[in-house]
Structures are given as C-alpha cells and as structure tokens.
C-alpha cells in the first residue's frame, strides 16, 4: 500500500511539472497546432516565422500584438487564409510570440 501511495504521489508530481517543462517556445510550438501551418524558414499555409519576425522587428508592442493573434486568431494580414484561434493560455501565447520574434 505504501509503495502504491508513493508511486501515485510521484506520478502526480510529474504530471504537475509537465506544463512547467514545456514552457519554452520551441516545445510549445511542437506541442500545439502551430506546426500544421507554420515552419521556421519556409511558408506553409501561414508565413514562415522568419518572415513574421522580420515584419515586426523593432516594433513596440509586437510581442503583445502577436500573442493576441496567436490566442484569438487573425485574418487578412498574410493573405486570404485566416489563422484560427489557438488553445493557448495568455502566458503560452506570450512565450510563443517571443519565440517567433526571435527568428531573425
């Protein structure tokens, strides 16, 4: 019984840490739907992240603006295909936006 309780506690702890371990931009990118439409250096359905980074380079508020587009979706900025809203938290959207904008 004691081994079972310890095992369950260890499993619960590991599951609780999982979101914390995936809080870098590349891990989030790979774990979310981003990879279906975006690549770092080539256009797929959506623009390459290097294009996005170049477009918004040096703009004040770019992280917040892009995080909003990631979370809420966007239309008409990069062509006729809309980007749907993504199932991310505010914090995840900000991490993703910072990561995208780091691709120069």
PDB file of N, CA and C in Angstrom:
ATOM      1  N   UNK A   1       0.825  -1.200   0.000  1.00  0.00           N
ATOM      2  CA  UNK A   1       0.000   0.000   0.000  1.00  0.00           C
ATOM      3  C   UNK A   1       0.866   1.260   0.000  1.00  0.00           C
ATOM      4  N   UNK A   2       1.906   1.240   0.834  1.00  0.00           N
ATOM      5  CA  UNK A   2       2.780   2.401   0.934  1.00  0.00           C
ATOM      6  C   UNK A   2       3.466   2.686  -0.410  1.00  0.00           C
ATOM      7  N   UNK A   3       3.889   1.610  -1.107  1.00  0.00           N
ATOM      8  CA  UNK A   3       4.534   1.786  -2.408  1.00  0.00           C
ATOM      9  C   UNK A   3       3.565   2.383  -3.426  1.00  0.00           C
ATOM     10  N   UNK A   4       2.304   1.981  -3.356  1.00  0.00           N
ATOM     11  CA  UNK A   4       1.286   2.498  -4.265  1.00  0.00           C
ATOM     12  C   UNK A   4       1.061   3.984  -4.046  1.00  0.00           C
ATOM     13  N   UNK A   5       0.985   4.395  -2.788  1.00  0.00           N
ATOM     14  CA  UNK A   5       0.783   5.810  -2.468  1.00  0.00           C
ATOM     15  C   UNK A   5       1.975   6.640  -2.940  1.00  0.00           C
ATOM     16  N   UNK A   6       3.180   6.135  -2.696  1.00  0.00           N
ATOM     17  CA  UNK A   6       4.383   6.856  -3.122  1.00  0.00           C
ATOM     18  C   UNK A   6       4.419   6.956  -4.645  1.00  0.00           C
ATOM     19  N   UNK A   7       4.071   5.863  -5.329  1.00  0.00           N
ATOM     20  CA  UNK A   7       4.044   5.884  -6.795  1.00  0.00           C
ATOM     21  C   UNK A   7       3.023   6.885  -7.328  1.00  0.00           C
ATOM     22  N   UNK A   8       1.854   6.921  -6.711  1.00  0.00           N
ATOM     23  CA  UNK A   8       0.824   7.878  -7.133  1.00  0.00           C
ATOM     24  C   UNK A   8       1.253   9.312  -6.892  1.00  0.00           C
ATOM     25  N   UNK A   9       1.920   9.556  -5.783  1.00  0.00           N
ATOM     26  CA  UNK A   9       2.419  10.907  -5.496  1.00  0.00           C
ATOM     27  C   UNK A   9       3.484  11.311  -6.508  1.00  0.00           C
ATOM     28  N   UNK A  10       4.365  10.392  -6.831  1.00  0.00           N
ATOM     29  CA  UNK A  10       5.405  10.681  -7.819  1.00  0.00           C
ATOM     30  C   UNK A  10       4.790  10.967  -9.187  1.00  0.00           C
ATOM     31  N   UNK A  11       3.806  10.162  -9.582  1.00  0.00           N
ATOM     32  CA  UNK A  11       3.134  10.378 -10.856  1.00  0.00           C
ATOM     33  C   UNK A  11       2.417  11.728 -10.872  1.00  0.00           C
ATOM     34  N   UNK A  12       1.729  12.046  -9.783  1.00  0.00           N
ATOM     35  CA  UNK A  12       1.045  13.341  -9.692  1.00  0.00           C
ATOM     36  C   UNK A  12       2.019  14.498  -9.784  1.00  0.00           C
ATOM     37  N   UNK A  13       3.160  14.361  -9.136  1.00  0.00           N
ATOM     38  CA  UNK A  13       4.179  15.411  -9.200  1.00  0.00           C
ATOM     39  C   UNK A  13       4.723  15.581 -10.605  1.00  0.00           C
ATOM     40  N   UNK A  14       4.958  14.472 -11.284  1.00  0.00           N
ATOM     41  CA  UNK A  14       5.460  14.535 -12.655  1.00  0.00           C
ATOM     42  C   UNK A  14       4.438  15.192 -13.580  1.00  0.00           C
ATOM     43  N   UNK A  15       3.183  14.856 -13.417  1.00  0.00           N
ATOM     44  CA  UNK A  15       2.140  15.465 -14.245  1.00  0.00           C
ATOM     45  C   UNK A  15       1.983  16.943 -13.946  1.00  0.00           C
ATOM     46  N   UNK A  16       2.152  17.316 -12.686  1.00  0.00           N
ATOM     47  CA  UNK A  16       2.049  18.729 -12.316  1.00  0.00           C
ATOM     48  C   UNK A  16       3.190  19.532 -12.900  1.00  0.00           C
ATOM     49  N   UNK A  17       4.360  18.924 -13.056  1.00  0.00           N
ATOM     50  CA  UNK A  17       5.527  19.625 -13.604  1.00  0.00           C
ATOM     51  C   UNK A  17       5.526  19.675 -15.120  1.00  0.00           C
ATOM     52  N   UNK A  18       4.751  18.834 -15.764  1.00  0.00           N
ATOM     53  CA  UNK A  18       4.769  18.758 -17.216  1.00  0.00           C
ATOM     54  C   UNK A  18       4.565  20.112 -17.887  1.00  0.00           C
ATOM     55  N   UNK A  19       3.557  20.924 -17.521  1.00  0.00           N
ATOM     56  CA  UNK A  19       3.421  22.229 -18.169  1.00  0.00           C
ATOM     57  C   UNK A  19       4.637  23.124 -17.946  1.00  0.00           C
ATOM     58  N   UNK A  20       5.238  23.037 -16.773  1.00  0.00           N
ATOM     59  CA  UNK A  20       6.407  23.864 -16.485  1.00  0.00           C
ATOM     60  C   UNK A  20       7.577  23.466 -17.371  1.00  0.00           C
ATOM     61  N   UNK A  21       7.714  22.172 -17.683  1.00  0.00           N
ATOM     62  CA  UNK A  21       8.809  21.708 -18.513  1.00  0.00           C
ATOM     63  C   UNK A  21       8.633  22.132 -19.963  1.00  0.00           C
ATOM     64  N   UNK A  22       7.405  22.348 -20.398  1.00  0.00           N
ATOM     65  CA  UNK A  22       7.134  22.673 -21.794  1.00  0.00           C
ATOM     66  C   UNK A  22       6.946  24.170 -22.007  1.00  0.00           C
ATOM     67  N   UNK A  23       7.566  24.982 -21.188  1.00  0.00           N
ATOM     68  CA  UNK A  23       7.329  26.409 -21.274  1.00  0.00           C
ATOM     69  C   UNK A  23       8.374  27.162 -22.089  1.00  0.00           C
ATOM     70  N   UNK A  24       9.113  26.477 -22.965  1.00  0.00           N
ATOM     71  CA  UNK A  24       9.949  27.220 -23.893  1.00  0.00           C
ATOM     72  C   UNK A  24       9.247  27.244 -25.237  1.00  0.00           C
ATOM     73  N   UNK A  25       9.572  28.226 -26.045  1.00  0.00           N
ATOM     74  CA  UNK A  25       8.856  28.448 -27.296  1.00  0.00           C
ATOM     75  C   UNK A  25       8.873  27.275 -28.253  1.00  0.00           C
ATOM     76  N   UNK A  26      10.024  26.655 -28.417  1.00  0.00           N
ATOM     77  CA  UNK A  26      10.106  25.556 -29.373  1.00  0.00           C
ATOM     78  C   UNK A  26       9.263  24.363 -28.929  1.00  0.00           C
ATOM     79  N   UNK A  27       9.277  24.044 -27.638  1.00  0.00           N
ATOM     80  CA  UNK A  27       8.458  22.938 -27.131  1.00  0.00           C
ATOM     81  C   UNK A  27       6.980  23.240 -27.296  1.00  0.00           C
ATOM     82  N   UNK A  28       6.589  24.483 -27.008  1.00  0.00           N
ATOM     83  CA  UNK A  28       5.185  24.859 -27.189  1.00  0.00           C
ATOM     84  C   UNK A  28       4.789  24.770 -28.663  1.00  0.00           C
ATOM     85  N   UNK A  29       5.642  25.274 -29.532  1.00  0.00           N
ATOM     86  CA  UNK A  29       5.391  25.223 -30.977  1.00  0.00           C
ATOM     87  C   UNK A  29       5.144  23.786 -31.428  1.00  0.00           C
ATOM     88  N   UNK A  30       5.960  22.876 -30.950  1.00  0.00           N
ATOM     89  CA  UNK A  30       5.841  21.477 -31.351  1.00  0.00           C
ATOM     90  C   UNK A  30       4.642  20.788 -30.713  1.00  0.00           C
ATOM     91  N   UNK A  31       4.194  21.273 -29.564  1.00  0.00           N
ATOM     92  CA  UNK A  31       3.097  20.616 -28.862  1.00  0.00           C
ATOM     93  C   UNK A  31       1.722  21.180 -29.227  1.00  0.00           C
ATOM     94  N   UNK A  32       1.693  22.296 -29.885  1.00  0.00           N
ATOM     95  CA  UNK A  32       0.425  22.932 -30.276  1.00  0.00           C
ATOM     96  C   UNK A  32       0.179  22.723 -31.769  1.00  0.00           C
ATOM     97  N   UNK A  33      -0.899  23.263 -32.268  1.00  0.00           N
ATOM     98  CA  UNK A  33      -1.267  23.091 -33.674  1.00  0.00           C
ATOM     99  C   UNK A  33      -0.427  23.945 -34.627  1.00  0.00           C
ATOM    100  N   UNK A  34       0.483  24.730 -34.103  1.00  0.00           N
ATOM    101  CA  UNK A  34       1.295  25.643 -34.920  1.00  0.00           C
ATOM    102  C   UNK A  34       1.983  24.932 -36.084  1.00  0.00           C
ATOM    103  N   UNK A  35       2.511  23.738 -35.813  1.00  0.00           N
ATOM    104  CA  UNK A  35       3.293  23.014 -36.818  1.00  0.00           C
ATOM    105  C   UNK A  35       2.482  22.619 -38.044  1.00  0.00           C
ATOM    106  N   UNK A  36       1.175  22.606 -37.929  1.00  0.00           N
ATOM    107  CA  UNK A  36       0.345  22.237 -39.075  1.00  0.00           C
ATOM    108  C   UNK A  36       0.389  23.303 -40.166  1.00  0.00           C
ATOM    109  N   UNK A  37       0.602  24.550 -39.797  1.00  0.00           N
ATOM    110  CA  UNK A  37       0.530  25.645 -40.768  1.00  0.00           C
ATOM    111  C   UNK A  37       1.795  26.491 -40.885  1.00  0.00           C
ATOM    112  N   UNK A  38       2.712  26.371 -39.929  1.00  0.00           N
ATOM    113  CA  UNK A  38       3.895  27.237 -39.919  1.00  0.00           C
ATOM    114  C   UNK A  38       5.185  26.445 -39.831  1.00  0.00           C
ATOM    115  N   UNK A  39       6.223  26.980 -40.463  1.00  0.00           N
ATOM    116  CA  UNK A  39       7.588  26.476 -40.342  1.00  0.00           C
ATOM    117  C   UNK A  39       8.477  27.673 -40.022  1.00  0.00           C
ATOM    118  N   UNK A  40       9.676  27.406 -39.600  1.00  0.00           N
ATOM    119  CA  UNK A  40      10.567  28.499 -39.201  1.00  0.00           C
ATOM    120  C   UNK A  40      11.048  29.292 -40.411  1.00  0.00           C
ATOM    121  N   UNK A  41      11.471  28.602 -41.470  1.00  0.00           N
ATOM    122  CA  UNK A  41      12.072  29.351 -42.574  1.00  0.00           C
ATOM    123  C   UNK A  41      11.435  29.120 -43.942  1.00  0.00           C
ATOM    124  N   UNK A  42      10.229  28.537 -43.964  1.00  0.00           N
ATOM    125  CA  UNK A  42       9.534  28.402 -45.241  1.00  0.00           C
ATOM    126  C   UNK A  42       8.030  28.550 -45.033  1.00  0.00           C
ATOM    127  N   UNK A  43       7.378  29.104 -46.035  1.00  0.00           N
ATOM    128  CA  UNK A  43       5.933  29.303 -45.973  1.00  0.00           C
ATOM    129  C   UNK A  43       5.240  27.962 -46.159  1.00  0.00           C
ATOM    130  N   UNK A  44       4.272  27.698 -45.315  1.00  0.00           N
ATOM    131  CA  UNK A  44       3.394  26.542 -45.496  1.00  0.00           C
ATOM    132  C   UNK A  44       2.023  27.118 -45.794  1.00  0.00           C
ATOM    133  N   UNK A  45       1.050  26.891 -44.933  1.00  0.00           N
ATOM    134  CA  UNK A  45      -0.253  27.552 -45.069  1.00  0.00           C
ATOM    135  C   UNK A  45      -0.107  29.001 -44.621  1.00  0.00           C
ATOM    136  N   UNK A  46       0.602  29.194 -43.532  1.00  0.00           N
ATOM    137  CA  UNK A  46       0.881  30.522 -42.996  1.00  0.00           C
ATOM    138  C   UNK A  46       2.319  30.912 -43.267  1.00  0.00           C
ATOM    139  N   UNK A  47       2.667  32.122 -42.903  1.00  0.00           N
ATOM    140  CA  UNK A  47       4.024  32.617 -43.180  1.00  0.00           C
ATOM    141  C   UNK A  47       5.080  31.901 -42.350  1.00  0.00           C
ATOM    142  N   UNK A  48       6.318  31.924 -42.854  1.00  0.00           N
ATOM    143  CA  UNK A  48       7.461  31.425 -42.095  1.00  0.00           C
ATOM    144  C   UNK A  48       7.689  32.352 -40.899  1.00  0.00           C
ATOM    145  N   UNK A  49       8.136  31.773 -39.813  1.00  0.00           N
ATOM    146  CA  UNK A  49       8.379  32.594 -38.622  1.00  0.00           C
ATOM    147  C   UNK A  49       9.464  33.640 -38.857  1.00  0.00           C
ATOM    148  N   UNK A  50      10.407  33.351 -39.736  1.00  0.00           N
ATOM    149  CA  UNK A  50      11.419  34.367 -40.059  1.00  0.00           C
ATOM    150  C   UNK A  50      10.779  35.572 -40.742  1.00  0.00           C
ATOM    151  N   UNK A  51       9.762  35.354 -41.572  1.00  0.00           N
ATOM    152  CA  UNK A  51       9.040  36.458 -42.206  1.00  0.00           C
ATOM    153  C   UNK A  51       8.289  37.286 -41.165  1.00  0.00           C
ATOM    154  N   UNK A  52       7.654  36.593 -40.229  1.00  0.00           N
ATOM    155  CA  UNK A  52       6.909  37.282 -39.166  1.00  0.00           C
ATOM    156  C   UNK A  52       7.866  38.117 -38.331  1.00  0.00           C
ATOM    157  N   UNK A  53       9.002  37.524 -37.962  1.00  0.00           N
ATOM    158  CA  UNK A  53       9.985  38.242 -37.153  1.00  0.00           C
ATOM    159  C   UNK A  53      10.501  39.474 -37.891  1.00  0.00           C
ATOM    160  N   UNK A  54      10.740  39.336 -39.194  1.00  0.00           N
ATOM    161  CA  UNK A  54      11.230  40.476 -39.976  1.00  0.00           C
ATOM    162  C   UNK A  54      10.180  41.575 -40.071  1.00  0.00           C
ATOM    163  N   UNK A  55       8.917  41.195 -40.248  1.00  0.00           N
ATOM    164  CA  UNK A  55       7.848  42.187 -40.395  1.00  0.00           C
ATOM    165  C   UNK A  55       7.672  43.031 -39.135  1.00  0.00           C
ATOM    166  N   UNK A  56       7.799  42.399 -37.980  1.00  0.00           N
ATOM    167  CA  UNK A  56       7.535  43.100 -36.730  1.00  0.00           C
ATOM    168  C   UNK A  56       8.800  43.494 -35.963  1.00  0.00           C
ATOM    169  N   UNK A  57       9.967  43.338 -36.576  1.00  0.00           N
ATOM    170  CA  UNK A  57      11.232  43.656 -35.913  1.00  0.00           C
ATOM    171  C   UNK A  57      11.259  45.108 -35.441  1.00  0.00           C
ATOM    172  N   UNK A  58      11.603  45.286 -34.191  1.00  0.00           N
ATOM    173  CA  UNK A  58      11.763  46.624 -33.636  1.00  0.00           C
ATOM    174  C   UNK A  58      10.477  47.370 -33.331  1.00  0.00           C
ATOM    175  N   UNK A  59       9.319  46.787 -33.551  1.00  0.00           N
ATOM    176  CA  UNK A  59       8.053  47.475 -33.284  1.00  0.00           C
ATOM    177  C   UNK A  59       7.682  47.366 -31.807  1.00  0.00           C
ATOM    178  N   UNK A  60       7.339  48.492 -31.216  1.00  0.00           N
ATOM    179  CA  UNK A  60       6.857  48.491 -29.838  1.00  0.00           C
ATOM    180  C   UNK A  60       5.557  47.706 -29.752  1.00  0.00           C
ATOM    181  N   UNK A  61       5.439  46.879 -28.730  1.00  0.00           N
ATOM    182  CA  UNK A  61       4.214  46.124 -28.511  1.00  0.00           C
ATOM    183  C   UNK A  61       4.043  44.926 -29.420  1.00  0.00           C
ATOM    184  N   UNK A  62       5.091  44.547 -30.158  1.00  0.00           N
ATOM    185  CA  UNK A  62       4.969  43.436 -31.101  1.00  0.00           C
ATOM    186  C   UNK A  62       4.660  42.118 -30.398  1.00  0.00           C
ATOM    187  N   UNK A  63       5.266  41.886 -29.237  1.00  0.00           N
ATOM    188  CA  UNK A  63       5.028  40.632 -28.515  1.00  0.00           C
ATOM    189  C   UNK A  63       3.562  40.531 -28.116  1.00  0.00           C
ATOM    190  N   UNK A  64       3.024  41.589 -27.534  1.00  0.00           N
ATOM    191  CA  UNK A  64       1.628  41.577 -27.090  1.00  0.00           C
ATOM    192  C   UNK A  64       0.665  41.447 -28.267  1.00  0.00           C
ATOM    193  N   UNK A  65       0.957  42.155 -29.359  1.00  0.00           N
ATOM    194  CA  UNK A  65       0.106  42.104 -30.540  1.00  0.00           C
ATOM    195  C   UNK A  65       0.096  40.700 -31.134  1.00  0.00           C
ATOM    196  N   UNK A  66       1.285  40.117 -31.281  1.00  0.00           N
ATOM    197  CA  UNK A  66       1.386  38.783 -31.860  1.00  0.00           C
ATOM    198  C   UNK A  66       0.783  37.728 -30.931  1.00  0.00           C
ATOM    199  N   UNK A  67       0.977  37.882 -29.629  1.00  0.00           N
ATOM    200  CA  UNK A  67       0.376  36.955 -28.662  1.00  0.00           C
ATOM    201  C   UNK A  67      -1.148  36.981 -28.793  1.00  0.00           C
ATOM    202  N   UNK A  68      -1.706  38.151 -28.988  1.00  0.00           N
ATOM    203  CA  UNK A  68      -3.148  38.272 -29.186  1.00  0.00           C
ATOM    204  C   UNK A  68      -3.614  37.563 -30.439  1.00  0.00           C
ATOM    205  N   UNK A  69      -2.832  37.667 -31.516  1.00  0.00           N
ATOM    206  CA  UNK A  69      -3.183  36.990 -32.767  1.00  0.00           C
ATOM    207  C   UNK A  69      -3.074  35.480 -32.613  1.00  0.00           C
ATOM    208  N   UNK A  70      -2.072  35.032 -31.859  1.00  0.00           N
ATOM    209  CA  UNK A  70      -1.914  33.600 -31.624  1.00  0.00           C
ATOM    210  C   UNK A  70      -3.104  33.068 -30.837  1.00  0.00           C
ATOM    211  N   UNK A  71      -3.491  33.768 -29.806  1.00  0.00           N
ATOM    212  CA  UNK A  71      -4.571  33.304 -28.936  1.00  0.00           C
ATOM    213  C   UNK A  71      -5.952  33.462 -29.595  1.00  0.00           C
ATOM    214  N   UNK A  72      -6.193  34.588 -30.238  1.00  0.00           N
ATOM    215  CA  UNK A  72      -7.527  34.920 -30.740  1.00  0.00           C
ATOM    216  C   UNK A  72      -7.737  34.689 -32.229  1.00  0.00           C
ATOM    217  N   UNK A  73      -6.658  34.418 -32.956  1.00  0.00           N
ATOM    218  CA  UNK A  73      -6.755  34.251 -34.397  1.00  0.00           C
ATOM    219  C   UNK A  73      -6.573  35.572 -35.127  1.00  0.00           C
ATOM    220  N   UNK A  74      -6.494  35.487 -36.444  1.00  0.00           N
ATOM    221  CA  UNK A  74      -6.235  36.672 -37.251  1.00  0.00           C
ATOM    222  C   UNK A  74      -6.705  36.396 -38.678  1.00  0.00           C
ATOM    223  N   UNK A  75      -6.972  37.462 -39.401  1.00  0.00           N
ATOM    224  CA  UNK A  75      -7.397  37.293 -40.789  1.00  0.00           C
ATOM    225  C   UNK A  75      -6.932  38.471 -41.623  1.00  0.00           C
ATOM    226  N   UNK A  76      -6.461  38.182 -42.833  1.00  0.00           N
ATOM    227  CA  UNK A  76      -6.128  39.224 -43.789  1.00  0.00           C
ATOM    228  C   UNK A  76      -4.752  39.831 -43.672  1.00  0.00           C
ATOM    229  N   UNK A  77      -3.961  39.450 -42.695  1.00  0.00           N
ATOM    230  CA  UNK A  77      -2.633  40.039 -42.531  1.00  0.00           C
ATOM    231  C   UNK A  77      -1.636  39.430 -43.505  1.00  0.00           C
ATOM    232  N   UNK A  78      -1.721  38.115 -43.713  1.00  0.00           N
ATOM    233  CA  UNK A  78      -0.766  37.407 -44.561  1.00  0.00           C
ATOM    234  C   UNK A  78      -1.447  36.767 -45.776  1.00  0.00           C
ATOM    235  N   UNK A  79      -2.617  37.239 -46.118  1.00  0.00           N
ATOM    236  CA  UNK A  79      -3.332  36.671 -47.252  1.00  0.00           C
ATOM    237  C   UNK A  79      -4.742  36.277 -46.859  1.00  0.00           C
ATOM    238  N   UNK A  80      -5.430  35.578 -47.741  1.00  0.00           N
ATOM    239  CA  UNK A  80      -6.841  35.290 -47.505  1.00  0.00           C
ATOM    240  C   UNK A  80      -7.130  34.172 -46.502  1.00  0.00           C
ATOM    241  N   UNK A  81      -6.148  33.326 -46.202  1.00  0.00           N
ATOM    242  CA  UNK A  81      -6.392  32.199 -45.291  1.00  0.00           C
ATOM    243  C   UNK A  81      -6.327  32.704 -43.850  1.00  0.00           C
ATOM    244  N   UNK A  82      -7.420  32.568 -43.099  1.00  0.00           N
ATOM    245  CA  UNK A  82      -7.410  33.050 -41.719  1.00  0.00           C
ATOM    246  C   UNK A  82      -6.638  32.102 -40.803  1.00  0.00           C
ATOM    247  N   UNK A  83      -6.070  32.677 -39.744  1.00  0.00           N
ATOM    248  CA  UNK A  83      -5.461  31.868 -38.699  1.00  0.00           C
ATOM    249  C   UNK A  83      -6.504  31.721 -37.600  1.00  0.00           C
ATOM    250  N   UNK A  84      -6.890  30.505 -37.289  1.00  0.00           N
ATOM    251  CA  UNK A  84      -7.915  30.314 -36.255  1.00  0.00           C
ATOM    252  C   UNK A  84      -7.362  30.586 -34.863  1.00  0.00           C
ATOM    253  N   UNK A  85      -8.225  30.827 -33.895  1.00  0.00           N
ATOM    254  CA  UNK A  85      -7.769  30.968 -32.509  1.00  0.00           C
ATOM    255  C   UNK A  85      -7.094  29.669 -32.060  1.00  0.00           C
ATOM    256  N   UNK A  86      -6.127  29.794 -31.188  1.00  0.00           N
ATOM    257  CA  UNK A  86      -5.401  28.631 -30.693  1.00  0.00           C
ATOM    258  C   UNK A  86      -5.690  28.394 -29.225  1.00  0.00           C
ATOM    259  N   UNK A  87      -5.688  27.145 -28.845  1.00  0.00           N
ATOM    260  CA  UNK A  87      -5.948  26.750 -27.459  1.00  0.00           C
ATOM    261  C   UNK A  87      -4.674  26.922 -26.637  1.00  0.00           C
ATOM    262  N   UNK A  88      -4.383  28.165 -26.319  1.00  0.00           N
ATOM    263  CA  UNK A  88      -3.208  28.502 -25.510  1.00  0.00           C
ATOM    264  C   UNK A  88      -3.627  29.470 -24.410  1.00  0.00           C
ATOM    265  N   UNK A  89      -2.865  29.468 -23.345  1.00  0.00           N
ATOM    266  CA  UNK A  89      -3.087  30.444 -22.286  1.00  0.00           C
ATOM    267  C   UNK A  89      -2.437  31.762 -22.691  1.00  0.00           C
ATOM    268  N   UNK A  90      -2.726  32.804 -21.946  1.00  0.00           N
ATOM    269  CA  UNK A  90      -2.076  34.101 -22.205  1.00  0.00           C
ATOM    270  C   UNK A  90      -0.556  33.956 -22.103  1.00  0.00           C
ATOM    271  N   UNK A  91      -0.108  33.236 -21.084  1.00  0.00           N
ATOM    272  CA  UNK A  91       1.328  33.042 -20.877  1.00  0.00           C
ATOM    273  C   UNK A  91       1.951  32.263 -22.035  1.00  0.00           C
ATOM    274  N   UNK A  92       1.282  31.198 -22.474  1.00  0.00           N
ATOM    275  CA  UNK A  92       1.801  30.420 -23.605  1.00  0.00           C
ATOM    276  C   UNK A  92       1.838  31.253 -24.879  1.00  0.00           C
ATOM    277  N   UNK A  93       0.827  32.056 -25.113  1.00  0.00           N
ATOM    278  CA  UNK A  93       0.802  32.918 -26.300  1.00  0.00           C
ATOM    279  C   UNK A  93       1.967  33.896 -26.273  1.00  0.00           C
ATOM    280  N   UNK A  94       2.275  34.439 -25.108  1.00  0.00           N
ATOM    281  CA  UNK A  94       3.395  35.377 -24.990  1.00  0.00           C
ATOM    282  C   UNK A  94       4.725  34.667 -25.228  1.00  0.00           C
ATOM    283  N   UNK A  95       4.879  33.471 -24.671  1.00  0.00           N
ATOM    284  CA  UNK A  95       6.113  32.708 -24.885  1.00  0.00           C
ATOM    285  C   UNK A  95       6.276  32.383 -26.368  1.00  0.00           C
ATOM    286  N   UNK A  96       5.198  31.954 -27.011  1.00  0.00           N
ATOM    287  CA  UNK A  96       5.251  31.659 -28.442  1.00  0.00           C
ATOM    288  C   UNK A  96       5.585  32.902 -29.259  1.00  0.00           C
ATOM    289  N   UNK A  97       4.969  34.021 -28.918  1.00  0.00           N
ATOM    290  CA  UNK A  97       5.230  35.265 -29.647  1.00  0.00           C
ATOM    291  C   UNK A  97       6.689  35.676 -29.514  1.00  0.00           C
ATOM    292  N   UNK A  98       7.223  35.614 -28.318  1.00  0.00           N
ATOM    293  CA  UNK A  98       8.639  35.954 -28.111  1.00  0.00           C
ATOM    294  C   UNK A  98       9.538  35.025 -28.919  1.00  0.00           C
ATOM    295  N   UNK A  99       9.189  33.740 -28.933  1.00  0.00           N
ATOM    296  CA  UNK A  99       9.979  32.759 -29.675  1.00  0.00           C
ATOM    297  C   UNK A  99       9.911  33.032 -31.169  1.00  0.00           C
ATOM    298  N   UNK A 100       8.729  33.289 -31.697  1.00  0.00           N
ATOM    299  CA  UNK A 100       8.583  33.584 -33.124  1.00  0.00           C
ATOM    300  C   UNK A 100       9.398  34.819 -33.491  1.00  0.00           C
ATOM    301  N   UNK A 101       9.304  35.854 -32.683  1.00  0.00           N
ATOM    302  CA  UNK A 101      10.006  37.103 -32.987  1.00  0.00           C
ATOM    303  C   UNK A 101      11.521  36.988 -32.837  1.00  0.00           C
ATOM    304  N   UNK A 102      11.999  35.918 -32.205  1.00  0.00           N
ATOM    305  CA  UNK A 102      13.442  35.732 -32.051  1.00  0.00           C
ATOM    306  C   UNK A 102      14.096  35.177 -33.320  1.00  0.00           C
ATOM    307  N   UNK A 103      13.313  34.773 -34.293  1.00  0.00           N
ATOM    308  CA  UNK A 103      13.847  34.198 -35.535  1.00  0.00           C
ATOM    309  C   UNK A 103      14.180  35.309 -36.523  1.00  0.00           C
ATOM    310  N   UNK A 104      15.402  35.655 -36.564  1.00  0.00           N
ATOM    311  CA  UNK A 104      15.847  36.748 -37.427  1.00  0.00           C
ATOM    312  C   UNK A 104      16.517  36.225 -38.674  1.00  0.00           C
TER     313      UNK A 104
END
